[in-house]
Amino acid sequence: GWYGLAAARTYLKLQPTVKLLITDSASTVGGVWSKARLYPNLEAQVKLGLFNYTDKPMRPHRGDPHDPRVTGEMIHSYLQEHAEDHDL
């Protein structure tokens, strides 16, 4: 999930030569936001801009910067991209 990815990224910044194995019981990253746990119309109870890592903002729902919704699919995609961007 959020904190596991953040912890792994931080650890690898501090120890870049370490070979770190990240495991998860789900088949995709995300913890409670993993693909298998999502359901139609799932939304977080937080507005856009408050639920992301500091180095990369989350893209708005359907590209509309005025839409404050954060869907489960958005979160899963964001965490997947974060893991890929940082080779986690």
Protein backbone atom coordinates (compact mmCIF):
# COMPACT_ATOMS: atom_id res chain seq x y z
CA GLY A 1 0.00 0.00 0.00
CA TRP A 2 0.91 3.66 0.36
CA TYR A 3 3.26 3.26 3.30
CA GLY A 4 4.94 0.09 2.09
CA LEU A 5 5.87 1.76 -1.20
CA ALA A 6 7.08 4.88 0.61
CA ALA A 7 9.15 2.80 3.03
CA ALA A 8 10.70 0.78 0.20
CA ARG A 9 11.56 3.89 -1.80
CA THR A 10 13.10 5.60 1.23
CA TYR A 11 15.10 2.51 2.18
CA LEU A 12 16.47 2.19 -1.35
CA LYS A 13 17.48 5.86 -1.33
CA LEU A 14 19.46 5.24 1.86
CA GLN A 15 20.81 1.83 0.79
CA PRO A 16 20.95 1.91 -3.04
CA THR A 17 23.05 -1.27 -3.35
CA VAL A 18 20.56 -3.45 -1.47
CA LYS A 19 18.43 -5.92 -3.41
CA LEU A 20 15.02 -5.40 -1.84
CA LEU A 21 12.19 -7.90 -2.28
CA ILE A 22 8.72 -6.45 -1.81
CA THR A 23 5.93 -8.97 -1.28
CA ASP A 24 2.18 -8.54 -1.18
CA SER A 25 -0.65 -11.01 -0.76
CA ALA A 26 -2.48 -9.38 -3.68
CA SER A 27 -1.46 -9.84 -7.30
CA THR A 28 -1.08 -6.08 -7.82
CA VAL A 29 0.34 -3.24 -5.73
CA GLY A 30 -1.85 -1.02 -3.64
CA GLY A 31 -2.72 -2.86 -0.44
CA VAL A 32 -6.36 -1.99 0.19
CA TRP A 33 -6.29 -0.20 -3.18
CA SER A 34 -5.07 -3.26 -5.13
CA LYS A 35 -6.97 -4.11 -8.32
CA ALA A 36 -8.79 -7.11 -6.81
CA ARG A 37 -10.22 -5.02 -3.97
CA LEU A 38 -11.72 -2.28 -6.12
CA TYR A 39 -15.42 -2.19 -6.94
CA PRO A 40 -17.45 0.02 -9.29
CA ASN A 41 -17.94 3.61 -8.13
CA LEU A 42 -15.46 3.30 -5.24
CA GLU A 43 -14.32 6.76 -4.13
CA ALA A 44 -12.00 7.88 -1.36
CA GLN A 45 -13.32 10.28 1.24
CA VAL A 46 -10.68 12.85 0.39
CA LYS A 47 -10.41 15.48 -2.31
CA LEU A 48 -7.89 15.54 -5.12
CA GLY A 49 -4.55 16.96 -4.05
CA LEU A 50 -4.65 15.60 -0.51
CA PHE A 51 -3.94 11.96 -1.31
CA ASN A 52 -0.64 11.70 -3.16
CA TYR A 53 3.13 11.60 -2.71
CA THR A 54 4.86 14.99 -2.61
CA ASP A 55 6.95 14.40 -5.72
CA LYS A 56 4.07 13.58 -8.07
CA PRO A 57 0.52 14.91 -8.00
CA MET A 58 -2.35 12.58 -8.83
CA ARG A 59 -4.03 13.28 -12.16
CA PRO A 60 -7.60 14.58 -11.90
CA HIS A 61 -10.62 12.38 -12.52
CA ARG A 62 -11.10 12.03 -16.28
CA GLY A 63 -8.63 14.88 -16.81
CA ASP A 64 -10.99 17.49 -15.34
CA PRO A 65 -9.01 19.72 -12.93
CA HIS A 66 -12.28 20.99 -11.42
CA ASP A 67 -13.47 17.49 -10.43
CA PRO A 68 -12.30 16.87 -6.83
CA ARG A 69 -13.18 13.14 -6.77
CA VAL A 70 -10.55 10.49 -6.11
CA THR A 71 -11.71 7.07 -7.29
CA GLY A 72 -10.36 3.69 -6.31
CA GLU A 73 -9.16 3.15 -9.86
CA MET A 74 -7.27 6.47 -9.76
CA ILE A 75 -5.54 5.45 -6.54
CA HIS A 76 -4.63 2.00 -7.82
CA SER A 77 -3.24 3.44 -11.06
CA TYR A 78 -1.33 6.11 -9.16
CA LEU A 79 0.30 3.57 -6.84
CA GLN A 80 1.10 1.26 -9.77
CA GLU A 81 2.75 4.15 -11.63
CA HIS A 82 4.66 5.15 -8.51
CA ALA A 83 6.01 1.63 -8.11
CA GLU A 84 7.02 1.49 -11.77
CA ASP A 85 8.55 4.99 -11.77
CA HIS A 86 10.79 4.05 -8.84
CA ASP A 87 11.53 0.44 -9.85
CA LEU A 88 9.76 -0.98 -6.81
